[in-house]
């Protein structure tokens, strides 16, 4: 079976749906999720954006305080995507109906597993390999509660039969990714600090937000726990990130900036100005910033 190397990035264009709202009966609901992911990958590939689709099922409590689950469909790539390529990946899912909502560019859920990938003008159903041999994971029973099933080579197809089979190779992060993450962290730290301080008041919730996301231990992992090193990395980030980051990676930073605006439970106009200035540094247009923030939950 062909082995395909998957992207190393953990920043994903992510969509979610309450499993209760997915149409059809098992196992067709699961096949529908795979087919939707395949449509997104096919659309992206036509625009030159090659990605993989990861799926997770997570517990959730709805507005009526009823316990259910959300299924997440995450699209991952190592490419520096243009806004047109991001649009091509998102369009089939956003046009599929109100069942699916856009979560934005977020960190891949811990429990997510690779299901599909686009390569060489084909969509592949992904398998993993361990001591027991090749296997693939499926959510054949979509609840709540849902059940993740391990399928071996003797199991019948659990998705569109036109998809080819390949073993997923998640590989290891390349060395230069560390420096890329270091610059992104430096940039995000400086911007988050400017946002929470923009209204002239730093309350306990904002201090906690900074401590949890940009505290000493977090910065120390990337050698940024000294202000001089942080200043130097920020200068590098301003010069390099606008051209180095893909559109989806810029949106991921935008999400973190908006979280900083909400850290104290209120969004001040001065905080939004700081967010706008940061977005301009990254090369994002005000219209797409506003459009993105309206789309995400």
C-alpha atoms as a PDB file:
ATOM      1  CA  UNK A   1       0.000   0.000   0.000  1.00  0.00           C
ATOM      2  CA  UNK A   2       1.311   3.469  -0.907  1.00  0.00           C
ATOM      3  CA  UNK A   3       2.706   5.558   1.956  1.00  0.00           C
ATOM      4  CA  UNK A   4       1.909   9.293   1.924  1.00  0.00           C
ATOM      5  CA  UNK A   5       3.609  11.893   4.096  1.00  0.00           C
ATOM      6  CA  UNK A   6       1.058  14.137   5.818  1.00  0.00           C
ATOM      7  CA  UNK A   7       1.507  17.821   6.702  1.00  0.00           C
ATOM      8  CA  UNK A   8       3.287  18.603   9.970  1.00  0.00           C
ATOM      9  CA  UNK A   9       1.182  21.660  10.764  1.00  0.00           C
ATOM     10  CA  UNK A  10      -1.301  21.494  13.624  1.00  0.00           C
ATOM     11  CA  UNK A  11      -3.112  24.670  12.585  1.00  0.00           C
ATOM     12  CA  UNK A  12      -6.289  23.575  10.878  1.00  0.00           C
ATOM     13  CA  UNK A  13      -9.221  25.072   9.023  1.00  0.00           C
ATOM     14  CA  UNK A  14     -11.854  23.492  11.257  1.00  0.00           C
ATOM     15  CA  UNK A  15     -15.596  22.993  10.917  1.00  0.00           C
ATOM     16  CA  UNK A  16     -17.975  21.334  13.359  1.00  0.00           C
ATOM     17  CA  UNK A  17     -21.489  19.926  13.513  1.00  0.00           C
ATOM     18  CA  UNK A  18     -23.732  18.540  16.231  1.00  0.00           C
ATOM     19  CA  UNK A  19     -23.889  14.810  15.448  1.00  0.00           C
ATOM     20  CA  UNK A  20     -27.647  14.887  16.046  1.00  0.00           C
ATOM     21  CA  UNK A  21     -28.078  17.170  13.044  1.00  0.00           C
ATOM     22  CA  UNK A  22     -26.258  15.000  10.524  1.00  0.00           C
ATOM     23  CA  UNK A  23     -28.725  13.452   8.061  1.00  0.00           C
ATOM     24  CA  UNK A  24     -29.152   9.774   7.282  1.00  0.00           C
ATOM     25  CA  UNK A  25     -28.693   6.544   9.187  1.00  0.00           C
ATOM     26  CA  UNK A  26     -25.500   4.766  10.198  1.00  0.00           C
ATOM     27  CA  UNK A  27     -23.222   4.017   8.457  1.00  0.00           C
ATOM     28  CA  UNK A  28     -24.338   6.541   5.831  1.00  0.00           C
ATOM     29  CA  UNK A  29     -23.840   9.517   8.128  1.00  0.00           C
ATOM     30  CA  UNK A  30     -20.180   8.570   8.480  1.00  0.00           C
ATOM     31  CA  UNK A  31     -19.812   8.107   4.746  1.00  0.00           C
ATOM     32  CA  UNK A  32     -21.406  11.542   4.310  1.00  0.00           C
ATOM     33  CA  UNK A  33     -18.746  13.112   6.533  1.00  0.00           C
ATOM     34  CA  UNK A  34     -15.994  11.448   4.488  1.00  0.00           C
ATOM     35  CA  UNK A  35     -17.592  12.496   1.222  1.00  0.00           C
ATOM     36  CA  UNK A  36     -17.860  16.113   2.405  1.00  0.00           C
ATOM     37  CA  UNK A  37     -14.184  16.074   3.420  1.00  0.00           C
ATOM     38  CA  UNK A  38     -13.296  14.602   0.034  1.00  0.00           C
ATOM     39  CA  UNK A  39     -15.236  17.325  -1.778  1.00  0.00           C
ATOM     40  CA  UNK A  40     -13.313  19.992   0.154  1.00  0.00           C
ATOM     41  CA  UNK A  41      -9.981  18.345  -0.664  1.00  0.00           C
ATOM     42  CA  UNK A  42     -10.914  17.991  -4.346  1.00  0.00           C
ATOM     43  CA  UNK A  43     -11.929  21.650  -4.522  1.00  0.00           C
ATOM     44  CA  UNK A  44      -8.701  22.710  -2.831  1.00  0.00           C
ATOM     45  CA  UNK A  45      -6.567  20.507  -5.090  1.00  0.00           C
ATOM     46  CA  UNK A  46      -8.098  22.115  -8.193  1.00  0.00           C
ATOM     47  CA  UNK A  47      -6.902  25.453  -6.815  1.00  0.00           C
ATOM     48  CA  UNK A  48      -3.440  24.045  -6.068  1.00  0.00           C
ATOM     49  CA  UNK A  49      -4.050  23.573  -2.324  1.00  0.00           C
ATOM     50  CA  UNK A  50      -3.210  20.025  -1.233  1.00  0.00           C
ATOM     51  CA  UNK A  51      -4.375  19.132   2.257  1.00  0.00           C
ATOM     52  CA  UNK A  52      -5.394  16.281   4.519  1.00  0.00           C
ATOM     53  CA  UNK A  53      -8.661  15.904   6.426  1.00  0.00           C
ATOM     54  CA  UNK A  54      -8.695  14.952  10.113  1.00  0.00           C
ATOM     55  CA  UNK A  55     -11.774  14.030  12.117  1.00  0.00           C
ATOM     56  CA  UNK A  56     -12.606  14.032  15.830  1.00  0.00           C
ATOM     57  CA  UNK A  57     -15.751  13.547  17.903  1.00  0.00           C
ATOM     58  CA  UNK A  58     -15.854  15.621  21.077  1.00  0.00           C
ATOM     59  CA  UNK A  59     -18.297  15.876  24.007  1.00  0.00           C
ATOM     60  CA  UNK A  60     -20.332  19.079  24.123  1.00  0.00           C
ATOM     61  CA  UNK A  61     -23.191  20.619  26.088  1.00  0.00           C
ATOM     62  CA  UNK A  62     -25.705  22.603  24.042  1.00  0.00           C
ATOM     63  CA  UNK A  63     -27.600  25.759  24.979  1.00  0.00           C
ATOM     64  CA  UNK A  64     -30.372  23.702  26.559  1.00  0.00           C
ATOM     65  CA  UNK A  65     -27.743  22.064  28.788  1.00  0.00           C
ATOM     66  CA  UNK A  66     -28.214  18.757  27.000  1.00  0.00           C
ATOM     67  CA  UNK A  67     -25.099  16.650  26.605  1.00  0.00           C
ATOM     68  CA  UNK A  68     -24.251  15.719  23.036  1.00  0.00           C
ATOM     69  CA  UNK A  69     -21.211  15.620  20.754  1.00  0.00           C
ATOM     70  CA  UNK A  70     -19.726  17.672  17.966  1.00  0.00           C
ATOM     71  CA  UNK A  71     -17.875  16.118  15.079  1.00  0.00           C
ATOM     72  CA  UNK A  72     -15.020  18.228  13.762  1.00  0.00           C
ATOM     73  CA  UNK A  73     -13.662  18.198  10.225  1.00  0.00           C
ATOM     74  CA  UNK A  74     -10.199  19.780  10.084  1.00  0.00           C
ATOM     75  CA  UNK A  75      -8.221  20.564   6.919  1.00  0.00           C
ATOM     76  CA  UNK A  76      -4.444  20.745   7.303  1.00  0.00           C
ATOM     77  CA  UNK A  77      -1.680  21.776   4.927  1.00  0.00           C
ATOM     78  CA  UNK A  78       1.929  22.901   5.131  1.00  0.00           C
ATOM     79  CA  UNK A  79       1.476  25.207   2.136  1.00  0.00           C
ATOM     80  CA  UNK A  80       1.437  28.966   2.401  1.00  0.00           C
ATOM     81  CA  UNK A  81      -2.115  29.254   1.094  1.00  0.00           C
ATOM     82  CA  UNK A  82      -3.515  32.247  -0.725  1.00  0.00           C
ATOM     83  CA  UNK A  83      -6.913  33.578   0.298  1.00  0.00           C
ATOM     84  CA  UNK A  84      -8.328  32.059  -2.908  1.00  0.00           C
ATOM     85  CA  UNK A  85      -7.004  28.617  -1.960  1.00  0.00           C
ATOM     86  CA  UNK A  86      -8.436  28.939   1.555  1.00  0.00           C
ATOM     87  CA  UNK A  87     -11.770  29.801  -0.031  1.00  0.00           C
ATOM     88  CA  UNK A  88     -11.589  26.773  -2.324  1.00  0.00           C
ATOM     89  CA  UNK A  89     -11.045  24.427   0.631  1.00  0.00           C
ATOM     90  CA  UNK A  90     -13.836  25.961   2.699  1.00  0.00           C
ATOM     91  CA  UNK A  91     -16.485  26.460   0.033  1.00  0.00           C
ATOM     92  CA  UNK A  92     -17.920  22.902  -0.247  1.00  0.00           C
ATOM     93  CA  UNK A  93     -18.370  22.663   3.516  1.00  0.00           C
ATOM     94  CA  UNK A  94     -19.858  26.121   3.983  1.00  0.00           C
ATOM     95  CA  UNK A  95     -22.287  25.469   1.117  1.00  0.00           C
ATOM     96  CA  UNK A  96     -23.371  22.080   2.472  1.00  0.00           C
ATOM     97  CA  UNK A  97     -26.070  23.600   4.677  1.00  0.00           C
ATOM     98  CA  UNK A  98     -26.468  24.973   8.161  1.00  0.00           C
ATOM     99  CA  UNK A  99     -25.446  21.736   9.808  1.00  0.00           C
ATOM    100  CA  UNK A 100     -21.771  22.703   9.646  1.00  0.00           C
ATOM    101  CA  UNK A 101     -20.294  25.858  11.154  1.00  0.00           C
ATOM    102  CA  UNK A 102     -16.836  27.318  10.770  1.00  0.00           C
ATOM    103  CA  UNK A 103     -14.715  27.265  13.916  1.00  0.00           C
ATOM    104  CA  UNK A 104     -11.889  29.149  12.201  1.00  0.00           C
ATOM    105  CA  UNK A 105      -8.215  28.270  12.080  1.00  0.00           C
ATOM    106  CA  UNK A 106      -7.570  26.483  15.353  1.00  0.00           C
ATOM    107  CA  UNK A 107      -5.208  23.914  16.837  1.00  0.00           C
ATOM    108  CA  UNK A 108      -6.044  20.407  15.704  1.00  0.00           C
ATOM    109  CA  UNK A 109      -8.087  18.587  18.380  1.00  0.00           C
ATOM    110  CA  UNK A 110      -5.974  16.139  20.377  1.00  0.00           C
ATOM    111  CA  UNK A 111      -8.222  13.180  19.547  1.00  0.00           C
ATOM    112  CA  UNK A 112      -8.364  13.875  15.803  1.00  0.00           C
ATOM    113  CA  UNK A 113      -7.250  11.182  13.381  1.00  0.00           C
ATOM    114  CA  UNK A 114      -6.317  11.456   9.684  1.00  0.00           C
ATOM    115  CA  UNK A 115      -9.052  10.182   7.378  1.00  0.00           C
ATOM    116  CA  UNK A 116      -8.344  11.542   3.879  1.00  0.00           C
ATOM    117  CA  UNK A 117      -5.649  13.292   1.908  1.00  0.00           C
ATOM    118  CA  UNK A 118      -5.317  14.800  -1.559  1.00  0.00           C
ATOM    119  CA  UNK A 119      -2.270  13.922  -3.647  1.00  0.00           C
ATOM    120  CA  UNK A 120      -1.502  13.537  -7.344  1.00  0.00           C
ATOM    121  CA  UNK A 121      -5.076  14.473  -8.325  1.00  0.00           C
ATOM    122  CA  UNK A 122      -6.507  11.645  -6.202  1.00  0.00           C
ATOM    123  CA  UNK A 123      -8.254  11.404  -2.836  1.00  0.00           C
ATOM    124  CA  UNK A 124      -6.862   8.703  -0.556  1.00  0.00           C
ATOM    125  CA  UNK A 125      -8.548   6.979   2.384  1.00  0.00           C
ATOM    126  CA  UNK A 126      -5.863   6.959   5.045  1.00  0.00           C
ATOM    127  CA  UNK A 127      -4.636   3.981   7.043  1.00  0.00           C
ATOM    128  CA  UNK A 128      -2.256   3.801   9.990  1.00  0.00           C
ATOM    129  CA  UNK A 129       0.355   1.126  10.687  1.00  0.00           C
ATOM    130  CA  UNK A 130       1.267  -0.530  13.988  1.00  0.00           C
ATOM    131  CA  UNK A 131       2.545  -3.935  15.169  1.00  0.00           C
ATOM    132  CA  UNK A 132      -0.796  -5.517  14.365  1.00  0.00           C
ATOM    133  CA  UNK A 133      -0.655  -4.293  10.780  1.00  0.00           C
ATOM    134  CA  UNK A 134      -2.471  -1.642   8.723  1.00  0.00           C
ATOM    135  CA  UNK A 135      -5.740  -0.258  10.054  1.00  0.00           C
ATOM    136  CA  UNK A 136      -8.027   2.709   9.585  1.00  0.00           C
ATOM    137  CA  UNK A 137     -10.242   4.492  12.099  1.00  0.00           C
ATOM    138  CA  UNK A 138     -13.910   5.231  11.531  1.00  0.00           C
ATOM    139  CA  UNK A 139     -16.868   6.651  13.427  1.00  0.00           C
ATOM    140  CA  UNK A 140     -19.236   4.014  12.104  1.00  0.00           C
ATOM    141  CA  UNK A 141     -21.675   4.687  14.948  1.00  0.00           C
ATOM    142  CA  UNK A 142     -22.406   8.373  15.246  1.00  0.00           C
ATOM    143  CA  UNK A 143     -24.241   8.996  18.517  1.00  0.00           C
ATOM    144  CA  UNK A 144     -24.421  10.446  20.912  1.00  0.00           C
ATOM    145  CA  UNK A 145     -22.673   8.449  22.158  1.00  0.00           C
ATOM    146  CA  UNK A 146     -20.389   7.786  19.186  1.00  0.00           C
ATOM    147  CA  UNK A 147     -18.015   4.869  18.859  1.00  0.00           C
ATOM    148  CA  UNK A 148     -14.637   4.944  17.142  1.00  0.00           C
ATOM    149  CA  UNK A 149     -13.977   1.662  15.346  1.00  0.00           C
ATOM    150  CA  UNK A 150     -10.686   0.158  14.230  1.00  0.00           C
ATOM    151  CA  UNK A 151     -11.035  -1.474  10.804  1.00  0.00           C
ATOM    152  CA  UNK A 152      -8.479  -3.879   9.364  1.00  0.00           C
ATOM    153  CA  UNK A 153      -7.755  -4.898   5.785  1.00  0.00           C
ATOM    154  CA  UNK A 154     -10.603  -7.401   5.782  1.00  0.00           C
ATOM    155  CA  UNK A 155     -13.265  -4.814   6.628  1.00  0.00           C
ATOM    156  CA  UNK A 156     -15.606  -3.532   3.884  1.00  0.00           C
ATOM    157  CA  UNK A 157     -15.114   0.022   2.577  1.00  0.00           C
ATOM    158  CA  UNK A 158     -16.329   2.684   4.999  1.00  0.00           C
ATOM    159  CA  UNK A 159     -16.447   5.515   2.490  1.00  0.00           C
ATOM    160  CA  UNK A 160     -16.742   6.291  -1.215  1.00  0.00           C
ATOM    161  CA  UNK A 161     -15.265   3.332  -3.094  1.00  0.00           C
ATOM    162  CA  UNK A 162     -13.578   5.584  -5.654  1.00  0.00           C
ATOM    163  CA  UNK A 163     -11.112   6.729  -2.994  1.00  0.00           C
ATOM    164  CA  UNK A 164      -7.724   5.000  -3.157  1.00  0.00           C
ATOM    165  CA  UNK A 165      -5.952   3.587  -0.097  1.00  0.00           C
ATOM    166  CA  UNK A 166      -2.694   4.817   1.423  1.00  0.00           C
ATOM    167  CA  UNK A 167      -0.852   4.595   4.735  1.00  0.00           C
ATOM    168  CA  UNK A 168      -0.502   7.927   6.525  1.00  0.00           C
ATOM    169  CA  UNK A 169       3.003   8.946   7.482  1.00  0.00           C
ATOM    170  CA  UNK A 170       2.834  11.842   9.948  1.00  0.00           C
ATOM    171  CA  UNK A 171       6.624  12.151  10.001  1.00  0.00           C
ATOM    172  CA  UNK A 172       8.466  14.582  12.265  1.00  0.00           C
ATOM    173  CA  UNK A 173       8.654  18.332  12.319  1.00  0.00           C
ATOM    174  CA  UNK A 174      11.517  19.781  10.256  1.00  0.00           C
ATOM    175  CA  UNK A 175      14.123  21.784  12.140  1.00  0.00           C
ATOM    176  CA  UNK A 176      13.178  25.107  10.563  1.00  0.00           C
ATOM    177  CA  UNK A 177       9.632  24.818  11.929  1.00  0.00           C
ATOM    178  CA  UNK A 178      10.971  25.612  15.405  1.00  0.00           C
ATOM    179  CA  UNK A 179      12.195  29.014  14.246  1.00  0.00           C
ATOM    180  CA  UNK A 180       8.926  29.676  12.435  1.00  0.00           C
ATOM    181  CA  UNK A 181       6.953  28.923  15.621  1.00  0.00           C
ATOM    182  CA  UNK A 182       9.370  31.057  17.633  1.00  0.00           C
ATOM    183  CA  UNK A 183       8.677  34.100  15.450  1.00  0.00           C
ATOM    184  CA  UNK A 184       4.912  33.494  15.537  1.00  0.00           C
ATOM    185  CA  UNK A 185       4.983  33.264  19.333  1.00  0.00           C
ATOM    186  CA  UNK A 186       7.035  36.450  19.636  1.00  0.00           C
ATOM    187  CA  UNK A 187       4.641  38.308  17.359  1.00  0.00           C
ATOM    188  CA  UNK A 188       1.548  36.986  19.144  1.00  0.00           C
ATOM    189  CA  UNK A 189       2.989  37.808  22.579  1.00  0.00           C
ATOM    190  CA  UNK A 190       3.719  41.409  21.711  1.00  0.00           C
ATOM    191  CA  UNK A 191       0.338  41.920  20.049  1.00  0.00           C
ATOM    192  CA  UNK A 192      -1.613  40.250  22.865  1.00  0.00           C
ATOM    193  CA  UNK A 193       0.123  42.486  25.407  1.00  0.00           C
ATOM    194  CA  UNK A 194      -0.688  45.600  23.370  1.00  0.00           C
ATOM    195  CA  UNK A 195      -4.336  44.568  23.045  1.00  0.00           C
ATOM    196  CA  UNK A 196      -5.018  43.865  26.736  1.00  0.00           C
ATOM    197  CA  UNK A 197      -3.260  47.101  27.710  1.00  0.00           C
ATOM    198  CA  UNK A 198      -4.983  49.211  25.037  1.00  0.00           C
ATOM    199  CA  UNK A 199      -7.821  50.353  27.311  1.00  0.00           C
ATOM    200  CA  UNK A 200      -5.413  51.376  30.077  1.00  0.00           C
ATOM    201  CA  UNK A 201      -6.656  48.706  32.507  1.00  0.00           C
ATOM    202  CA  UNK A 202      -5.122  45.264  33.051  1.00  0.00           C
ATOM    203  CA  UNK A 203      -7.533  43.240  35.173  1.00  0.00           C
ATOM    204  CA  UNK A 204      -7.098  39.800  36.728  1.00  0.00           C
ATOM    205  CA  UNK A 205      -8.686  37.949  33.813  1.00  0.00           C
ATOM    206  CA  UNK A 206      -6.349  39.600  31.322  1.00  0.00           C
ATOM    207  CA  UNK A 207      -3.335  38.837  33.488  1.00  0.00           C
ATOM    208  CA  UNK A 208      -4.441  35.204  33.670  1.00  0.00           C
ATOM    209  CA  UNK A 209      -4.874  35.090  29.898  1.00  0.00           C
ATOM    210  CA  UNK A 210      -1.345  36.395  29.344  1.00  0.00           C
ATOM    211  CA  UNK A 211       0.087  34.035  31.941  1.00  0.00           C
ATOM    212  CA  UNK A 212      -1.607  30.963  30.460  1.00  0.00           C
ATOM    213  CA  UNK A 213      -0.818  31.726  26.819  1.00  0.00           C
ATOM    214  CA  UNK A 214       2.357  33.808  26.900  1.00  0.00           C
ATOM    215  CA  UNK A 215       3.827  33.167  30.338  1.00  0.00           C
ATOM    216  CA  UNK A 216       7.453  32.541  31.223  1.00  0.00           C
ATOM    217  CA  UNK A 217       7.329  28.767  30.743  1.00  0.00           C
ATOM    218  CA  UNK A 218       5.746  29.095  27.300  1.00  0.00           C
ATOM    219  CA  UNK A 219       8.287  31.686  26.180  1.00  0.00           C
ATOM    220  CA  UNK A 220      11.236  29.791  27.683  1.00  0.00           C
ATOM    221  CA  UNK A 221      10.586  26.807  25.400  1.00  0.00           C
ATOM    222  CA  UNK A 222      11.486  29.038  22.462  1.00  0.00           C
ATOM    223  CA  UNK A 223      14.225  31.042  24.176  1.00  0.00           C
ATOM    224  CA  UNK A 224      12.055  34.149  24.491  1.00  0.00           C
ATOM    225  CA  UNK A 225      11.953  34.512  28.273  1.00  0.00           C
ATOM    226  CA  UNK A 226      14.228  37.582  28.170  1.00  0.00           C
ATOM    227  CA  UNK A 227      12.795  40.875  26.917  1.00  0.00           C
ATOM    228  CA  UNK A 228      15.822  41.572  24.712  1.00  0.00           C
ATOM    229  CA  UNK A 229      15.405  38.230  22.928  1.00  0.00           C
ATOM    230  CA  UNK A 230      11.675  38.850  22.596  1.00  0.00           C
ATOM    231  CA  UNK A 231      12.341  42.287  21.076  1.00  0.00           C
ATOM    232  CA  UNK A 232      14.789  40.814  18.566  1.00  0.00           C
ATOM    233  CA  UNK A 233      12.391  38.023  17.592  1.00  0.00           C
ATOM    234  CA  UNK A 234       9.547  40.519  17.207  1.00  0.00           C
ATOM    235  CA  UNK A 235      11.646  42.586  14.800  1.00  0.00           C
ATOM    236  CA  UNK A 236      12.395  39.442  12.780  1.00  0.00           C
ATOM    237  CA  UNK A 237       8.734  38.460  12.852  1.00  0.00           C
ATOM    238  CA  UNK A 238       7.531  41.813  11.489  1.00  0.00           C
ATOM    239  CA  UNK A 239       9.992  41.492   8.612  1.00  0.00           C
ATOM    240  CA  UNK A 240       9.489  37.814   7.772  1.00  0.00           C
ATOM    241  CA  UNK A 241       6.007  36.632   8.736  1.00  0.00           C
ATOM    242  CA  UNK A 242       3.905  38.670   6.252  1.00  0.00           C
ATOM    243  CA  UNK A 243       5.640  36.937   3.352  1.00  0.00           C
ATOM    244  CA  UNK A 244       6.275  33.557   4.981  1.00  0.00           C
ATOM    245  CA  UNK A 245       2.856  32.732   6.440  1.00  0.00           C
ATOM    246  CA  UNK A 246      -0.027  31.342   4.464  1.00  0.00           C
ATOM    247  CA  UNK A 247      -3.403  33.047   4.613  1.00  0.00           C
ATOM    248  CA  UNK A 248      -4.784  30.389   6.974  1.00  0.00           C
ATOM    249  CA  UNK A 249      -1.841  30.859   9.356  1.00  0.00           C
ATOM    250  CA  UNK A 250      -2.500  34.587   9.473  1.00  0.00           C
ATOM    251  CA  UNK A 251      -6.131  33.858  10.310  1.00  0.00           C
ATOM    252  CA  UNK A 252      -4.952  31.602  13.148  1.00  0.00           C
ATOM    253  CA  UNK A 253      -3.015  34.536  14.622  1.00  0.00           C
ATOM    254  CA  UNK A 254      -6.049  36.749  14.131  1.00  0.00           C
ATOM    255  CA  UNK A 255      -8.085  34.294  16.229  1.00  0.00           C
ATOM    256  CA  UNK A 256      -5.591  34.592  19.079  1.00  0.00           C
ATOM    257  CA  UNK A 257      -5.701  38.394  18.870  1.00  0.00           C
ATOM    258  CA  UNK A 258      -9.497  38.365  19.069  1.00  0.00           C
ATOM    259  CA  UNK A 259      -9.294  36.073  22.103  1.00  0.00           C
ATOM    260  CA  UNK A 260      -7.071  38.698  23.732  1.00  0.00           C
ATOM    261  CA  UNK A 261      -9.750  41.325  23.058  1.00  0.00           C
ATOM    262  CA  UNK A 262     -12.280  39.147  24.902  1.00  0.00           C
ATOM    263  CA  UNK A 263      -9.969  38.224  27.797  1.00  0.00           C
ATOM    264  CA  UNK A 264     -11.738  40.597  30.215  1.00  0.00           C
ATOM    265  CA  UNK A 265     -15.226  39.738  28.933  1.00  0.00           C
ATOM    266  CA  UNK A 266     -15.610  42.958  26.948  1.00  0.00           C
ATOM    267  CA  UNK A 267     -14.257  44.268  23.662  1.00  0.00           C
ATOM    268  CA  UNK A 268     -13.060  47.864  23.771  1.00  0.00           C
ATOM    269  CA  UNK A 269     -12.729  49.933  20.599  1.00  0.00           C
ATOM    270  CA  UNK A 270      -9.080  50.632  21.487  1.00  0.00           C
ATOM    271  CA  UNK A 271      -8.433  46.888  21.628  1.00  0.00           C
ATOM    272  CA  UNK A 272      -9.984  46.500  18.201  1.00  0.00           C
ATOM    273  CA  UNK A 273      -7.685  49.220  16.867  1.00  0.00           C
ATOM    274  CA  UNK A 274      -4.687  47.271  18.183  1.00  0.00           C
ATOM    275  CA  UNK A 275      -6.060  44.126  16.512  1.00  0.00           C
ATOM    276  CA  UNK A 276      -6.536  46.023  13.252  1.00  0.00           C
ATOM    277  CA  UNK A 277      -2.972  47.364  13.364  1.00  0.00           C
ATOM    278  CA  UNK A 278      -1.606  43.853  13.940  1.00  0.00           C
ATOM    279  CA  UNK A 279      -3.668  42.503  11.051  1.00  0.00           C
ATOM    280  CA  UNK A 280      -2.277  45.194   8.767  1.00  0.00           C
ATOM    281  CA  UNK A 281       1.263  44.197   9.763  1.00  0.00           C
ATOM    282  CA  UNK A 282       0.454  40.681   8.551  1.00  0.00           C
ATOM    283  CA  UNK A 283      -0.953  41.989   5.277  1.00  0.00           C
ATOM    284  CA  UNK A 284      -4.610  41.202   5.999  1.00  0.00           C
ATOM    285  CA  UNK A 285      -7.224  43.551   4.547  1.00  0.00           C
ATOM    286  CA  UNK A 286      -9.780  45.096   6.959  1.00  0.00           C
ATOM    287  CA  UNK A 287     -12.676  43.578   4.977  1.00  0.00           C
ATOM    288  CA  UNK A 288     -11.364  40.022   5.268  1.00  0.00           C
ATOM    289  CA  UNK A 289     -10.605  40.533   8.969  1.00  0.00           C
ATOM    290  CA  UNK A 290     -14.200  41.594   9.581  1.00  0.00           C
ATOM    291  CA  UNK A 291     -15.541  38.799   7.381  1.00  0.00           C
ATOM    292  CA  UNK A 292     -13.506  36.134   9.177  1.00  0.00           C
ATOM    293  CA  UNK A 293     -14.528  37.292  12.651  1.00  0.00           C
ATOM    294  CA  UNK A 294     -18.191  37.216  11.611  1.00  0.00           C
ATOM    295  CA  UNK A 295     -17.890  33.638  10.311  1.00  0.00           C
ATOM    296  CA  UNK A 296     -16.206  32.013  13.298  1.00  0.00           C
ATOM    297  CA  UNK A 297     -18.236  30.995  16.347  1.00  0.00           C
END
